[in-house]
Amino acid sequence: MDKIALIGDVHANLTALEAVLEDIEKRNISKIYCLGDIVSKSVNPDIVIDIIKEKCDVILKGNCDEIFSSERALTRQFWTRMKIGEKRAKFLRELPIMHEFYLSGKLIRLFHASPYSLEHIYNPEYNNHDKRYNNKIIINPMELFKNTDFIGKSKNDKIPDVIGYAHLHMPIIFKVEDKIIFNTGSVGASYNKGEATYTIVEGELNSQKNMNMSISNVSVYYNLEKEIKYIEESDIPTKDDIIAYLKN
């Protein structure tokens, strides 16, 4: 059986990423797929990009990767853009949107947020608290399985059996009709203080024969104070906001 670790929303949190990679290594998992949002929020985006490039077999683009790699970044985002430099920014801009593969007979499709954009959001517990997404909310979970131009799919392409996404920062796994949806949670910006989450899928990689497969979410605690020290010692202008986000 093959094991794949799926990580997402690292958000430049070096301490959390190192803790997750250590946990993945302890579990003897050799394949790692990243579902985007490598940068933003914390203060080591350059180092995190380099580690992700080295360690991950598949790397997808997230909304923050798109924003912070742009030359049109706002002043608040400019610090990260300068920190990563043009070579890394170009790498982020050129990342793919979607990846799919067979595992034990199931077609698994991965993207950062949705088949519509890098920002549309499906949250089964959504309560309208986040006004940023009011016009980009997905209500019906079956919409996540749609073939769209955004992900390079046509109506004639096979509909996946499993959808894996990030963006939500909330680890979930559930069935809808005969399909499975999972979210990786977040490595670097979890809602639980000092906790990083990721997903493990296990089965026969690239096999279209129906066999047993499993999906599980994993929580790893990291040294939050170490990450906060990185932030405090940086010259990022939003350090107080970042620290408050990670602590609360």
C-alpha atoms as a PDB file:
ATOM      1  CA  MET A   1       0.000   0.000   0.000  1.00  0.00           C
ATOM      2  CA  ASP A   2       1.194   3.499  -0.855  1.00  0.00           C
ATOM      3  CA  LYS A   3       0.941   6.405   1.558  1.00  0.00           C
ATOM      4  CA  ILE A   4       0.712  10.046   0.503  1.00  0.00           C
ATOM      5  CA  ALA A   5       0.822  13.007   2.873  1.00  0.00           C
ATOM      6  CA  LEU A   6      -1.290  15.962   1.766  1.00  0.00           C
ATOM      7  CA  ILE A   7      -0.407  19.311   3.274  1.00  0.00           C
ATOM      8  CA  GLY A   8      -1.866  22.766   2.722  1.00  0.00           C
ATOM      9  CA  ASP A   9      -1.956  26.323   4.003  1.00  0.00           C
ATOM     10  CA  VAL A  10       1.580  26.368   5.357  1.00  0.00           C
ATOM     11  CA  HIS A  11       1.470  30.172   5.262  1.00  0.00           C
ATOM     12  CA  ALA A  12       5.233  30.659   5.713  1.00  0.00           C
ATOM     13  CA  ASN A  13       5.142  29.034   9.164  1.00  0.00           C
ATOM     14  CA  LEU A  14       8.542  27.364   9.207  1.00  0.00           C
ATOM     15  CA  THR A  15       8.229  25.857  12.687  1.00  0.00           C
ATOM     16  CA  ALA A  16       4.919  24.173  11.893  1.00  0.00           C
ATOM     17  CA  LEU A  17       6.184  22.878   8.549  1.00  0.00           C
ATOM     18  CA  GLU A  18       9.270  21.357  10.156  1.00  0.00           C
ATOM     19  CA  ALA A  19       7.112  19.607  12.774  1.00  0.00           C
ATOM     20  CA  VAL A  20       4.812  18.169  10.112  1.00  0.00           C
ATOM     21  CA  LEU A  21       7.685  17.000   7.924  1.00  0.00           C
ATOM     22  CA  GLU A  22       9.258  15.298  10.935  1.00  0.00           C
ATOM     23  CA  ASP A  23       5.971  13.515  11.648  1.00  0.00           C
ATOM     24  CA  ILE A  24       5.654  12.459   8.004  1.00  0.00           C
ATOM     25  CA  GLU A  25       9.187  11.051   8.072  1.00  0.00           C
ATOM     26  CA  LYS A  26       8.465   9.095  11.261  1.00  0.00           C
ATOM     27  CA  ARG A  27       5.516   7.481   9.481  1.00  0.00           C
ATOM     28  CA  ASN A  28       7.776   6.438   6.576  1.00  0.00           C
ATOM     29  CA  ILE A  29       5.733   8.403   4.044  1.00  0.00           C
ATOM     30  CA  SER A  30       7.805   9.230   0.987  1.00  0.00           C
ATOM     31  CA  LYS A  31       5.277  11.145  -1.131  1.00  0.00           C
ATOM     32  CA  ILE A  32       4.046  14.606  -0.174  1.00  0.00           C
ATOM     33  CA  TYR A  33       1.533  16.723  -2.091  1.00  0.00           C
ATOM     34  CA  CYS A  34       1.042  20.406  -1.232  1.00  0.00           C
ATOM     35  CA  LEU A  35      -2.360  22.004  -1.884  1.00  0.00           C
ATOM     36  CA  GLY A  36      -1.250  25.608  -1.881  1.00  0.00           C
ATOM     37  CA  ASP A  37      -1.014  28.758   0.216  1.00  0.00           C
ATOM     38  CA  ILE A  38       2.671  28.309   0.856  1.00  0.00           C
ATOM     39  CA  VAL A  39       3.167  31.980   1.719  1.00  0.00           C
ATOM     40  CA  SER A  40       1.438  34.807   3.632  1.00  0.00           C
ATOM     41  CA  LYS A  41       0.914  35.355   7.349  1.00  0.00           C
ATOM     42  CA  SER A  42       4.271  34.311   8.851  1.00  0.00           C
ATOM     43  CA  VAL A  43       7.801  35.486   8.124  1.00  0.00           C
ATOM     44  CA  ASN A  44       9.827  32.734   6.452  1.00  0.00           C
ATOM     45  CA  PRO A  45       8.169  32.481   3.020  1.00  0.00           C
ATOM     46  CA  ASP A  46      11.496  32.163   1.207  1.00  0.00           C
ATOM     47  CA  ILE A  47      12.728  29.231   3.303  1.00  0.00           C
ATOM     48  CA  VAL A  48       9.310  27.561   3.244  1.00  0.00           C
ATOM     49  CA  ILE A  49       9.101  27.785  -0.559  1.00  0.00           C
ATOM     50  CA  ASP A  50      12.532  26.207  -0.870  1.00  0.00           C
ATOM     51  CA  ILE A  51      11.617  23.358   1.490  1.00  0.00           C
ATOM     52  CA  ILE A  52       8.318  22.716  -0.289  1.00  0.00           C
ATOM     53  CA  LYS A  53      10.113  22.603  -3.651  1.00  0.00           C
ATOM     54  CA  GLU A  54      12.577  20.071  -2.263  1.00  0.00           C
ATOM     55  CA  LYS A  55      10.169  17.842  -0.344  1.00  0.00           C
ATOM     56  CA  CYS A  56       6.912  17.825  -2.318  1.00  0.00           C
ATOM     57  CA  ASP A  57       6.130  15.691  -5.357  1.00  0.00           C
ATOM     58  CA  VAL A  58       3.087  17.795  -6.305  1.00  0.00           C
ATOM     59  CA  ILE A  59       2.639  21.502  -5.530  1.00  0.00           C
ATOM     60  CA  LEU A  60      -0.562  23.395  -6.317  1.00  0.00           C
ATOM     61  CA  LYS A  61      -1.260  27.121  -6.302  1.00  0.00           C
ATOM     62  CA  GLY A  62      -3.294  28.781  -3.561  1.00  0.00           C
ATOM     63  CA  ASN A  63      -4.954  32.174  -3.517  1.00  0.00           C
ATOM     64  CA  CYS A  64      -2.225  33.664  -1.317  1.00  0.00           C
ATOM     65  CA  ASP A  65       0.471  32.310  -3.617  1.00  0.00           C
ATOM     66  CA  GLU A  66      -1.208  34.086  -6.509  1.00  0.00           C
ATOM     67  CA  ILE A  67      -1.641  37.356  -4.629  1.00  0.00           C
ATOM     68  CA  PHE A  68       1.805  37.542  -3.073  1.00  0.00           C
ATOM     69  CA  SER A  69       3.667  36.591  -6.235  1.00  0.00           C
ATOM     70  CA  SER A  70       2.035  39.436  -8.137  1.00  0.00           C
ATOM     71  CA  GLU A  71       3.806  42.688  -8.887  1.00  0.00           C
ATOM     72  CA  ARG A  72       0.537  44.418  -8.044  1.00  0.00           C
ATOM     73  CA  ALA A  73       0.678  43.358  -4.413  1.00  0.00           C
ATOM     74  CA  LEU A  74      -0.599  45.888  -1.925  1.00  0.00           C
ATOM     75  CA  THR A  75       1.679  47.551   0.611  1.00  0.00           C
ATOM     76  CA  ARG A  76       0.782  45.017   3.272  1.00  0.00           C
ATOM     77  CA  GLN A  77       1.720  42.211   0.932  1.00  0.00           C
ATOM     78  CA  PHE A  78       4.847  43.877  -0.379  1.00  0.00           C
ATOM     79  CA  TRP A  79       7.021  42.632   2.497  1.00  0.00           C
ATOM     80  CA  THR A  80       6.440  39.007   1.494  1.00  0.00           C
ATOM     81  CA  ARG A  81       6.944  39.801  -2.186  1.00  0.00           C
ATOM     82  CA  MET A  82      10.332  41.379  -1.469  1.00  0.00           C
ATOM     83  CA  LYS A  83      11.268  38.544   0.875  1.00  0.00           C
ATOM     84  CA  ILE A  84      10.715  35.806  -1.699  1.00  0.00           C
ATOM     85  CA  GLY A  85      12.315  37.607  -4.649  1.00  0.00           C
ATOM     86  CA  GLU A  86      11.455  37.296  -8.327  1.00  0.00           C
ATOM     87  CA  LYS A  87      12.671  33.730  -8.862  1.00  0.00           C
ATOM     88  CA  ARG A  88      10.435  32.317  -6.147  1.00  0.00           C
ATOM     89  CA  ALA A  89       7.556  34.585  -7.181  1.00  0.00           C
ATOM     90  CA  LYS A  90       7.802  33.217 -10.709  1.00  0.00           C
ATOM     91  CA  PHE A  91       7.723  29.690  -9.292  1.00  0.00           C
ATOM     92  CA  LEU A  92       4.498  30.496  -7.420  1.00  0.00           C
ATOM     93  CA  ARG A  93       2.884  32.127 -10.447  1.00  0.00           C
ATOM     94  CA  GLU A  94       3.537  29.059 -12.591  1.00  0.00           C
ATOM     95  CA  LEU A  95       2.147  26.476 -10.169  1.00  0.00           C
ATOM     96  CA  PRO A  96      -0.703  24.291 -11.476  1.00  0.00           C
ATOM     97  CA  ILE A  97      -4.267  24.661 -10.230  1.00  0.00           C
ATOM     98  CA  MET A  98      -5.327  21.022 -10.039  1.00  0.00           C
ATOM     99  CA  HIS A  99      -3.916  17.503  -9.778  1.00  0.00           C
ATOM    100  CA  GLU A 100      -5.678  14.173  -9.981  1.00  0.00           C
ATOM    101  CA  PHE A 101      -4.647  10.554  -9.665  1.00  0.00           C
ATOM    102  CA  TYR A 102      -6.059   7.092  -9.109  1.00  0.00           C
ATOM    103  CA  LEU A 103      -5.739   5.410  -5.739  1.00  0.00           C
ATOM    104  CA  SER A 104      -7.161   1.898  -5.302  1.00  0.00           C
ATOM    105  CA  GLY A 105      -9.648   2.454  -8.113  1.00  0.00           C
ATOM    106  CA  LYS A 106     -10.816   5.881  -6.922  1.00  0.00           C
ATOM    107  CA  LEU A 107     -10.139   9.023  -8.944  1.00  0.00           C
ATOM    108  CA  ILE A 108      -8.928  11.652  -6.478  1.00  0.00           C
ATOM    109  CA  ARG A 109      -8.949  15.291  -7.537  1.00  0.00           C
ATOM    110  CA  LEU A 110      -7.018  17.921  -5.603  1.00  0.00           C
ATOM    111  CA  PHE A 111      -7.151  21.717  -5.705  1.00  0.00           C
ATOM    112  CA  HIS A 112      -6.651  24.534  -3.256  1.00  0.00           C
ATOM    113  CA  ALA A 113     -10.208  25.797  -2.890  1.00  0.00           C
ATOM    114  CA  SER A 114     -12.738  24.844  -5.557  1.00  0.00           C
ATOM    115  CA  PRO A 115     -13.266  24.109  -9.249  1.00  0.00           C
ATOM    116  CA  TYR A 116     -14.360  27.734  -9.738  1.00  0.00           C
ATOM    117  CA  SER A 117     -11.486  29.802  -8.372  1.00  0.00           C
ATOM    118  CA  LEU A 118      -8.726  29.904  -5.786  1.00  0.00           C
ATOM    119  CA  GLU A 119     -11.076  31.734  -3.412  1.00  0.00           C
ATOM    120  CA  HIS A 120     -14.505  30.081  -3.550  1.00  0.00           C
ATOM    121  CA  ILE A 121     -15.088  28.272  -0.288  1.00  0.00           C
ATOM    122  CA  TYR A 122     -17.107  25.299   0.888  1.00  0.00           C
ATOM    123  CA  ASN A 123     -17.471  25.106   4.651  1.00  0.00           C
ATOM    124  CA  PRO A 124     -20.025  22.636   6.048  1.00  0.00           C
ATOM    125  CA  GLU A 125     -20.103  24.677   9.266  1.00  0.00           C
ATOM    126  CA  TYR A 126     -20.259  28.093   7.610  1.00  0.00           C
ATOM    127  CA  ASN A 127     -22.088  30.693   9.708  1.00  0.00           C
ATOM    128  CA  ASN A 128     -21.459  33.867   7.672  1.00  0.00           C
ATOM    129  CA  HIS A 129     -18.847  35.123  10.132  1.00  0.00           C
ATOM    130  CA  ASP A 130     -16.300  35.775   7.390  1.00  0.00           C
ATOM    131  CA  LYS A 131     -17.572  38.553   5.134  1.00  0.00           C
ATOM    132  CA  ARG A 132     -14.705  38.070   2.642  1.00  0.00           C
ATOM    133  CA  TYR A 133     -16.449  35.076   1.114  1.00  0.00           C
ATOM    134  CA  ASN A 134     -20.074  36.199   1.039  1.00  0.00           C
ATOM    135  CA  ASN A 135     -20.192  36.195  -2.762  1.00  0.00           C
ATOM    136  CA  LYS A 136     -17.995  33.104  -3.145  1.00  0.00           C
ATOM    137  CA  ILE A 137     -19.695  30.582  -0.896  1.00  0.00           C
ATOM    138  CA  ILE A 138     -20.411  27.081  -2.179  1.00  0.00           C
ATOM    139  CA  ILE A 139     -23.560  25.734  -0.531  1.00  0.00           C
ATOM    140  CA  ASN A 140     -23.942  22.350  -2.231  1.00  0.00           C
ATOM    141  CA  PRO A 141     -20.898  20.115  -1.643  1.00  0.00           C
ATOM    142  CA  MET A 142     -21.533  18.294  -4.935  1.00  0.00           C
ATOM    143  CA  GLU A 143     -20.402  21.458  -6.723  1.00  0.00           C
ATOM    144  CA  LEU A 144     -16.852  20.575  -5.699  1.00  0.00           C
ATOM    145  CA  PHE A 145     -16.998  17.650  -8.145  1.00  0.00           C
ATOM    146  CA  LYS A 146     -17.881  19.765 -11.186  1.00  0.00           C
ATOM    147  CA  ASN A 147     -15.686  19.840 -14.278  1.00  0.00           C
ATOM    148  CA  THR A 148     -14.893  23.473 -15.102  1.00  0.00           C
ATOM    149  CA  ASP A 149     -12.667  25.443 -17.439  1.00  0.00           C
ATOM    150  CA  PHE A 150     -10.849  26.860 -14.420  1.00  0.00           C
ATOM    151  CA  ILE A 151      -9.350  23.471 -13.594  1.00  0.00           C
ATOM    152  CA  GLY A 152      -8.922  22.519 -17.248  1.00  0.00           C
ATOM    153  CA  LYS A 153     -11.792  20.044 -17.397  1.00  0.00           C
ATOM    154  CA  SER A 154     -14.684  19.622 -19.821  1.00  0.00           C
ATOM    155  CA  LYS A 155     -18.128  18.143 -19.293  1.00  0.00           C
ATOM    156  CA  ASN A 156     -16.951  14.935 -20.956  1.00  0.00           C
ATOM    157  CA  ASP A 157     -14.166  14.308 -18.455  1.00  0.00           C
ATOM    158  CA  LYS A 158     -14.646  11.739 -15.709  1.00  0.00           C
ATOM    159  CA  ILE A 159     -16.146  13.028 -12.481  1.00  0.00           C
ATOM    160  CA  PRO A 160     -13.831  12.252  -9.547  1.00  0.00           C
ATOM    161  CA  ASP A 161     -14.754   9.930  -6.711  1.00  0.00           C
ATOM    162  CA  VAL A 162     -12.878  11.911  -4.085  1.00  0.00           C
ATOM    163  CA  ILE A 163     -12.184  15.628  -3.668  1.00  0.00           C
ATOM    164  CA  GLY A 164      -9.333  16.890  -1.522  1.00  0.00           C
ATOM    165  CA  TYR A 165      -8.897  20.599  -0.876  1.00  0.00           C
ATOM    166  CA  ALA A 166      -7.331  23.099   1.529  1.00  0.00           C
ATOM    167  CA  HIS A 167      -8.192  26.827   1.961  1.00  0.00           C
ATOM    168  CA  LEU A 168     -10.654  26.157   4.790  1.00  0.00           C
ATOM    169  CA  HIS A 169      -8.056  25.603   7.546  1.00  0.00           C
ATOM    170  CA  MET A 170     -10.457  23.022   9.010  1.00  0.00           C
ATOM    171  CA  PRO A 171      -9.685  19.278   8.758  1.00  0.00           C
ATOM    172  CA  ILE A 172     -12.778  17.382   7.636  1.00  0.00           C
ATOM    173  CA  ILE A 173     -13.646  14.053   6.014  1.00  0.00           C
ATOM    174  CA  PHE A 174     -17.195  13.155   5.024  1.00  0.00           C
ATOM    175  CA  LYS A 175     -19.277  11.292   2.473  1.00  0.00           C
ATOM    176  CA  VAL A 176     -21.928  12.855   0.264  1.00  0.00           C
ATOM    177  CA  GLU A 177     -23.988  10.517  -1.894  1.00  0.00           C
ATOM    178  CA  ASP A 178     -21.379   8.040  -3.198  1.00  0.00           C
ATOM    179  CA  LYS A 179     -18.498  10.535  -3.011  1.00  0.00           C
ATOM    180  CA  ILE A 180     -15.881  11.509  -0.431  1.00  0.00           C
ATOM    181  CA  ILE A 181     -14.692  15.025   0.433  1.00  0.00           C
ATOM    182  CA  PHE A 182     -11.773  15.844   2.673  1.00  0.00           C
ATOM    183  CA  ASN A 183      -9.977  18.997   3.748  1.00  0.00           C
ATOM    184  CA  THR A 184      -6.366  18.945   4.877  1.00  0.00           C
ATOM    185  CA  GLY A 185      -6.784  21.613   7.519  1.00  0.00           C
ATOM    186  CA  SER A 186      -3.776  23.904   7.828  1.00  0.00           C
ATOM    187  CA  VAL A 187      -0.124  23.344   8.600  1.00  0.00           C
ATOM    188  CA  GLY A 188       0.703  26.914   9.516  1.00  0.00           C
ATOM    189  CA  ALA A 189      -2.533  28.725  10.359  1.00  0.00           C
ATOM    190  CA  SER A 190      -4.766  26.287  12.199  1.00  0.00           C
ATOM    191  CA  TYR A 191      -7.695  27.504  14.256  1.00  0.00           C
ATOM    192  CA  ASN A 192      -6.254  25.542  17.192  1.00  0.00           C
ATOM    193  CA  LYS A 193      -3.294  27.315  18.794  1.00  0.00           C
ATOM    194  CA  GLY A 194       0.033  25.593  18.154  1.00  0.00           C
ATOM    195  CA  GLU A 195      -1.532  22.780  16.145  1.00  0.00           C
ATOM    196  CA  ALA A 196      -0.720  21.803  12.563  1.00  0.00           C
ATOM    197  CA  THR A 197      -2.920  19.420  10.582  1.00  0.00           C
ATOM    198  CA  TYR A 198      -2.517  17.402   7.408  1.00  0.00           C
ATOM    199  CA  THR A 199      -4.040  14.378   5.666  1.00  0.00           C
ATOM    200  CA  ILE A 200      -2.781  10.893   4.847  1.00  0.00           C
ATOM    201  CA  VAL A 201      -4.304   8.840   2.036  1.00  0.00           C
ATOM    202  CA  GLU A 202      -3.345   5.189   1.728  1.00  0.00           C
ATOM    203  CA  GLY A 203      -3.983   2.767  -1.128  1.00  0.00           C
ATOM    204  CA  GLU A 204      -2.547   1.491  -4.384  1.00  0.00           C
ATOM    205  CA  LEU A 205      -1.257   4.535  -6.261  1.00  0.00           C
ATOM    206  CA  ASN A 206      -2.120   4.738  -9.982  1.00  0.00           C
ATOM    207  CA  SER A 207      -4.287   1.608  -9.758  1.00  0.00           C
ATOM    208  CA  GLN A 208      -7.778   1.690 -11.290  1.00  0.00           C
ATOM    209  CA  LYS A 209      -8.646  -1.607  -9.612  1.00  0.00           C
ATOM    210  CA  ASN A 210     -11.070  -1.214  -6.712  1.00  0.00           C
ATOM    211  CA  MET A 211      -9.255  -2.038  -3.493  1.00  0.00           C
ATOM    212  CA  ASN A 212      -9.164  -0.817   0.076  1.00  0.00           C
ATOM    213  CA  MET A 213      -8.097   2.761   0.658  1.00  0.00           C
ATOM    214  CA  SER A 214      -8.133   5.042   3.670  1.00  0.00           C
ATOM    215  CA  ILE A 215      -8.144   8.769   4.418  1.00  0.00           C
ATOM    216  CA  SER A 216      -7.175  10.153   7.808  1.00  0.00           C
ATOM    217  CA  ASN A 217      -6.404  13.558   9.257  1.00  0.00           C
ATOM    218  CA  VAL A 218      -3.410  14.029  11.532  1.00  0.00           C
ATOM    219  CA  SER A 219      -2.686  16.691  14.154  1.00  0.00           C
ATOM    220  CA  VAL A 220       0.841  17.692  15.124  1.00  0.00           C
ATOM    221  CA  TYR A 221       1.763  20.219  17.785  1.00  0.00           C
ATOM    222  CA  TYR A 222       4.638  22.574  17.091  1.00  0.00           C
ATOM    223  CA  ASN A 223       6.644  25.094  19.116  1.00  0.00           C
ATOM    224  CA  LEU A 224       4.438  28.158  18.790  1.00  0.00           C
ATOM    225  CA  GLU A 225       6.755  30.335  20.865  1.00  0.00           C
ATOM    226  CA  LYS A 226       9.623  29.577  18.486  1.00  0.00           C
ATOM    227  CA  GLU A 227       7.520  30.752  15.537  1.00  0.00           C
ATOM    228  CA  ILE A 228       6.455  33.863  17.430  1.00  0.00           C
ATOM    229  CA  LYS A 229      10.117  34.648  18.094  1.00  0.00           C
ATOM    230  CA  TYR A 230      10.793  34.495  14.347  1.00  0.00           C
ATOM    231  CA  ILE A 231       7.989  37.001  13.839  1.00  0.00           C
ATOM    232  CA  GLU A 232       9.111  39.320  16.636  1.00  0.00           C
ATOM    233  CA  GLU A 233      12.664  39.401  15.277  1.00  0.00           C
ATOM    234  CA  SER A 234      11.490  40.216  11.751  1.00  0.00           C
ATOM    235  CA  ASP A 235      10.732  43.640  10.314  1.00  0.00           C
ATOM    236  CA  ILE A 236       7.327  42.696   8.905  1.00  0.00           C
ATOM    237  CA  PRO A 237       4.968  45.647   9.543  1.00  0.00           C
ATOM    238  CA  THR A 238       2.027  43.417  10.500  1.00  0.00           C
ATOM    239  CA  LYS A 239       3.815  41.382  13.187  1.00  0.00           C
ATOM    240  CA  ASP A 240       1.293  42.200  15.932  1.00  0.00           C
ATOM    241  CA  ASP A 241      -1.601  41.006  13.775  1.00  0.00           C
ATOM    242  CA  ILE A 242       0.217  37.794  12.840  1.00  0.00           C
ATOM    243  CA  ILE A 243       1.084  36.976  16.443  1.00  0.00           C
ATOM    244  CA  ALA A 244      -2.496  37.636  17.539  1.00  0.00           C
ATOM    245  CA  TYR A 245      -3.770  35.344  14.768  1.00  0.00           C
ATOM    246  CA  LEU A 246      -1.477  32.487  15.772  1.00  0.00           C
ATOM    247  CA  LYS A 247      -2.190  32.863  19.482  1.00  0.00           C
ATOM    248  CA  ASN A 248      -5.992  33.053  19.253  1.00  0.00           C
END
